[in-house]
Structures are given as structure tokens and as C-alpha cells.
Protein backbone atom coordinates (compact mmCIF):
# COMPACT_ATOMS: atom_id res chain seq x y z
CA UNK A 1 120.59 327.49 114.48
CA UNK A 2 119.45 323.73 113.58
CA UNK A 3 118.32 324.47 110.29
CA UNK A 4 122.54 325.89 109.85
CA UNK A 5 123.16 322.79 111.17
CA UNK A 6 121.10 320.28 109.09
CA UNK A 7 122.04 322.32 106.02
CA UNK A 8 126.35 321.53 106.45
CA UNK A 9 126.39 318.36 105.58
CA UNK A 10 124.58 319.08 102.33
CA UNK A 11 127.19 321.96 102.14
CA UNK A 12 129.70 319.09 102.35
CA UNK A 13 128.79 316.62 99.93
CA UNK A 14 128.02 318.93 97.26
CA UNK A 15 131.63 320.08 97.90
CA UNK A 16 133.11 317.31 98.12
CA UNK A 17 131.53 316.36 94.27
CA UNK A 18 132.72 316.94 90.83
CA UNK A 19 130.55 318.06 88.63
CA UNK A 20 131.14 317.39 84.93
CA UNK A 21 130.92 320.47 82.62
CA UNK A 22 129.08 320.61 79.28
CA UNK A 23 130.54 320.97 75.62
CA UNK A 24 128.92 324.68 75.43
CA UNK A 25 128.97 327.44 77.59
CA UNK A 26 127.63 330.98 77.78
CA UNK A 27 128.70 332.87 80.15
CA UNK A 28 127.61 336.36 80.19
CA UNK A 29 129.86 338.96 82.69
CA UNK A 30 129.88 342.12 84.25
CA UNK A 31 132.52 343.86 85.97
CA UNK A 32 134.83 346.94 86.88
CA UNK A 33 137.52 348.25 84.74
CA UNK A 34 140.40 350.27 86.06
CA UNK A 35 141.82 353.67 84.77
CA UNK A 36 145.09 353.04 82.97
CA UNK A 37 147.76 355.60 82.84
CA UNK A 38 150.52 355.88 79.12
CA UNK A 39 153.56 358.22 79.99
CA UNK A 40 154.61 360.29 76.99
CA UNK A 41 157.64 362.83 76.71
CA UNK A 42 155.97 366.00 78.62
CA UNK A 43 152.38 364.80 78.64
CA UNK A 44 150.71 361.48 80.01
CA UNK A 45 147.34 360.21 78.73
CA UNK A 46 144.49 358.66 80.87
CA UNK A 47 141.64 356.19 80.34
CA UNK A 48 139.18 356.41 83.28
CA UNK A 49 138.05 353.51 85.16
CA UNK A 50 134.17 352.36 84.98
CA UNK A 51 132.11 349.21 84.43
CA UNK A 52 132.38 346.94 81.78
CA UNK A 53 130.05 344.04 80.75
CA UNK A 54 130.25 341.57 77.84
CA UNK A 55 130.14 337.98 77.86
CA UNK A 56 131.83 334.80 76.01
CA UNK A 57 131.05 331.02 74.33
CA UNK A 58 133.45 329.09 75.20
CA UNK A 59 133.55 325.20 73.29
CA UNK A 60 134.94 322.51 75.19
CA UNK A 61 137.01 320.06 73.54
CA UNK A 62 137.59 317.88 77.21
CA UNK A 63 137.91 318.78 80.73
CA UNK A 64 140.69 320.67 80.75
CA UNK A 65 140.94 322.36 77.14
CA UNK A 66 138.75 324.71 75.40
CA UNK A 67 138.24 327.57 73.04
CA UNK A 68 136.81 330.93 74.10
CA UNK A 69 135.17 333.68 71.77
CA UNK A 70 134.96 336.78 73.97
CA UNK A 71 133.24 340.31 73.72
CA UNK A 72 133.63 343.44 76.35
CA UNK A 73 132.58 346.55 76.28
CA UNK A 74 132.91 349.53 78.41
CA UNK A 75 131.96 353.70 77.85
CA UNK A 76 134.65 355.72 78.92
CA UNK A 77 136.28 358.88 78.60
CA UNK A 78 139.99 359.66 77.43
CA UNK A 79 142.14 363.00 78.58
CA UNK A 80 145.66 364.19 78.45
CA UNK A 81 148.24 365.89 81.41
CA UNK A 82 150.31 368.31 79.86
CA UNK A 83 153.36 368.77 82.17
CA UNK A 84 154.55 371.77 80.35
CA UNK A 85 151.84 374.12 81.58
CA UNK A 86 150.05 371.78 84.37
CA UNK A 87 146.95 371.75 82.52
CA UNK A 88 144.76 369.34 81.85
CA UNK A 89 143.23 368.35 78.05
CA UNK A 90 139.96 366.89 78.13
CA UNK A 91 139.90 364.26 75.79
CA UNK A 92 135.59 363.61 75.74
CA UNK A 93 133.75 360.28 75.86
CA UNK A 94 135.26 356.93 74.31
CA UNK A 95 133.64 353.55 73.72
CA UNK A 96 136.17 350.41 73.55
CA UNK A 97 134.51 347.25 72.38
CA UNK A 98 136.99 344.24 72.41
CA UNK A 99 136.32 340.86 70.44
CA UNK A 100 138.51 338.53 70.82
CA UNK A 101 139.42 334.29 71.11
CA UNK A 102 141.78 332.05 72.24
CA UNK A 103 142.95 328.97 74.01
CA UNK A 104 141.50 328.56 77.77
CA UNK A 105 143.63 325.68 80.16
CA UNK A 106 141.11 324.66 83.34
CA UNK A 107 142.69 322.72 85.92
CA UNK A 108 141.02 319.86 88.61
CA UNK A 109 141.19 320.18 92.32
CA UNK A 110 140.27 316.63 93.52
CA UNK A 111 136.84 315.84 95.12
CA UNK A 112 135.88 319.74 94.51
CA UNK A 113 133.40 322.04 92.24
CA UNK A 114 136.09 324.78 91.65
CA UNK A 115 138.34 324.52 88.54
CA UNK A 116 140.78 326.99 88.16
CA UNK A 117 141.41 328.59 84.77
CA UNK A 118 143.85 330.62 82.33
CA UNK A 119 143.74 331.46 79.37
CA UNK A 120 145.04 333.59 76.30
CA UNK A 121 143.44 336.17 73.57
CA UNK A 122 144.22 337.84 70.39
CA UNK A 123 141.47 339.63 68.34
CA UNK A 124 140.43 343.35 67.44
CA UNK A 125 140.10 346.56 69.46
CA UNK A 126 136.77 349.00 68.15
CA UNK A 127 137.90 352.46 69.54
CA UNK A 128 134.78 355.16 69.00
CA UNK A 129 135.29 358.63 70.21
CA UNK A 130 133.00 361.01 70.50
CA UNK A 131 130.46 361.77 67.82
CA UNK A 132 131.15 365.69 68.04
CA UNK A 133 135.00 364.96 68.33
CA UNK A 134 135.51 364.99 64.18
CA UNK A 135 137.54 361.74 64.63
CA UNK A 136 136.08 358.47 63.46
CA UNK A 137 136.12 354.96 64.93
CA UNK A 138 139.50 352.77 64.58
CA UNK A 139 140.24 349.13 65.16
CA UNK A 140 143.43 347.77 66.21
CA UNK A 141 144.71 344.44 66.97
CA UNK A 142 144.35 343.40 70.33
CA UNK A 143 145.53 340.80 73.10
CA UNK A 144 144.85 339.59 76.54
CA UNK A 145 145.78 337.44 79.18
CA UNK A 146 142.88 336.06 81.74
CA UNK A 147 142.62 333.64 85.00
CA UNK A 148 140.36 333.10 86.95
CA UNK A 149 137.92 329.93 88.61
CA UNK A 150 134.97 328.63 87.51
CA UNK A 151 132.42 327.32 90.24
CA UNK A 152 129.84 324.79 89.46
CA UNK A 153 126.48 324.54 91.41
CA UNK A 154 125.46 321.83 88.82
CA UNK A 155 126.65 320.13 85.02
CA UNK A 156 125.13 323.44 83.65
CA UNK A 157 124.96 326.14 86.08
CA UNK A 158 128.10 327.63 87.62
CA UNK A 159 129.76 331.00 88.80
CA UNK A 160 133.06 332.40 86.95
CA UNK A 161 135.11 335.42 88.85
CA UNK A 162 138.34 336.51 87.09
CA UNK A 163 140.61 338.92 86.48
CA UNK A 164 141.18 340.23 83.06
CA UNK A 165 144.08 341.99 81.01
CA UNK A 166 143.58 343.74 77.82
CA UNK A 167 145.83 345.90 75.66
CA UNK A 168 145.01 347.62 71.97
CA UNK A 169 148.50 347.65 70.00
CA UNK A 170 149.37 348.54 66.41
CA UNK A 171 152.13 347.05 64.21
CA UNK A 172 154.40 350.49 65.57
CA UNK A 173 154.25 349.48 68.45
CA UNK A 174 151.55 352.24 69.65
CA UNK A 175 148.18 351.10 70.81
CA UNK A 176 146.32 353.58 71.73
CA UNK A 177 144.52 357.31 70.29
CA UNK A 178 144.72 359.81 72.33
CA UNK A 179 143.42 363.63 71.37
CA UNK A 180 141.91 366.98 72.78
CA UNK A 181 138.69 367.52 71.72
CA UNK A 182 138.10 370.90 72.71
CA UNK A 183 139.15 374.03 71.10
CA UNK A 184 142.15 375.79 70.41
CA UNK A 185 143.93 373.17 68.37
CA UNK A 186 144.08 369.32 68.88
CA UNK A 187 146.90 367.17 70.68
CA UNK A 188 146.61 363.79 69.21
CA UNK A 189 149.52 360.87 70.20
CA UNK A 190 149.60 356.68 69.96
CA UNK A 191 150.72 354.58 72.77
CA UNK A 192 150.38 351.27 74.58
CA UNK A 193 147.79 350.97 77.14
CA UNK A 194 146.72 348.08 79.37
CA UNK A 195 143.01 347.98 80.85
CA UNK A 196 143.01 345.54 83.88
CA UNK A 197 139.63 344.45 85.09
CA UNK A 198 137.72 342.42 87.39
CA UNK A 199 135.09 340.29 86.55
CA UNK A 200 131.93 337.99 87.34
CA UNK A 201 130.02 335.62 85.08
CA UNK A 202 127.01 333.11 84.88
CA UNK A 203 127.97 330.00 83.85
CA UNK A 204 125.04 328.32 81.48
CA UNK A 205 125.76 324.92 79.95
CA UNK A 206 124.68 323.81 76.54
CA UNK A 207 125.15 320.87 74.71
CA UNK A 208 126.09 317.42 75.81
CA UNK A 209 128.17 316.88 79.54
CA UNK A 210 131.39 315.75 78.97
CA UNK A 211 133.06 312.54 80.22
CA UNK A 212 135.03 312.55 83.21
CA UNK A 213 138.65 311.65 82.44
CA UNK A 214 140.36 309.06 84.37
CA UNK A 215 143.78 308.52 84.45
CA UNK A 216 144.71 304.71 83.91
CA UNK A 217 147.70 302.85 82.73
CA UNK A 218 147.76 301.09 79.38
CA UNK A 219 147.05 297.66 79.48
CA UNK A 220 149.70 296.57 76.89
CA UNK A 221 151.83 299.82 77.10
CA UNK A 222 154.47 301.34 79.93
CA UNK A 223 152.76 304.92 79.94
CA UNK A 224 149.38 306.53 81.32
CA UNK A 225 146.41 307.93 79.03
CA UNK A 226 143.48 309.41 79.56
CA UNK A 227 140.24 307.46 78.98
């Protein structure tokens, strides 16, 4: 109990301090992607849930704005359910790889090492069916959205917690490919699908430490600006 009491002031001082970020951050991540479903006329397709992993590299212009390049990988399965006869059409294994980039806006909480963020992503999704399916991999345009928070232990070390939504799409408005890989013929169709995931990561700061932005009045003008 005495040790815990002695640690409390140190924890309080740590939380009351605002750490600066570095100009480049490397963030390996791992998380869980929930199952996705999309409806058709008399069937619906399903992408199974599972573990996903990857990482990102973020280039910080300042402590509020950066550009992030993200990679995400997932091994899963896909299948179709037929409402016509109530049967499952097994789809087999499926590999999903996302490569995206986009802006990230961070927000400062006064006297805190916690920095919430929100970001948008554009890029490509690579869909690779089972090798025995007879289908080749396909690359689609993809979009994404993410929000979360970074918790800094030091300017070069931190923890990231985030929620993420990724979606492969195509020009016709569809976005995903389902197929019955079994014998007796196949069913294939396209439809939009959205993959929601929760993940955590380790922030590794690289490059220079960014200076703190202070909002001060300009000496000869009536507006304010960051220095």
C-alpha cells in the first residue's frame, strides 16, 4: 500500500504533462475484425470475423496534422447463404490486404498525454481467393475511416487504440466478390461490404521532436496565430 501511495504523485505528474510528438511515427498494430454481411436478391454473403494485423507510418507536419500510410492484412473465409433453399454455399479461404493513405487530424487535451485523432483513407484492397478456387486475386479501389486515441509515455513511445472501417469498392458501385468454390457449379456476384475492426498498436517515434504549438497574439495584427 505504501508503494502504491508513493507512485501516485509520479503517475499524476506524468498524466499532467503534455509530451511532444516526433516528425515520423512507426505504428505496428494488431486487432479484431468483425464479421460482415451483405444482402442480395435471394441470398446474402458473409465474410467471417478474425484477427487482423499490419501497421502504419505517419508523417507529422505538426502536432495537429499528419499523413498516414497504412497496411492491413487478414486471413478469413467467405460464403453465401441461399434463402431459396436454405443452404450454405461454402466460399473457402480468402485473404484481404489493404494499402491506404490519408490525412490524420489530432486534438490536444490540455495537461494530458492523451491525443484523440480522426482520419480518412484512400487506396487499394487486394482480394486473394483460395488457390484451389480457380479464381485469381483482384485489386479494388478502397476507402476507410478511423478514429481513436494516442497515449504517449514519452515523446518517442506511446500506445494507440483505434476503431477502423474499411471498404473495397468498384466503379459500378459494388465492392466485393463472393463465389461458391465447391462442385456442382458456382455463384458469383458483387456487392459493397464494410469491415469494422478494433485494434491496438505501439507508437515508435522517429525523426525530430516537434516543437509545441502556442497560440499567441500577433504583435502588430488583430488576429492570433501559432508560433
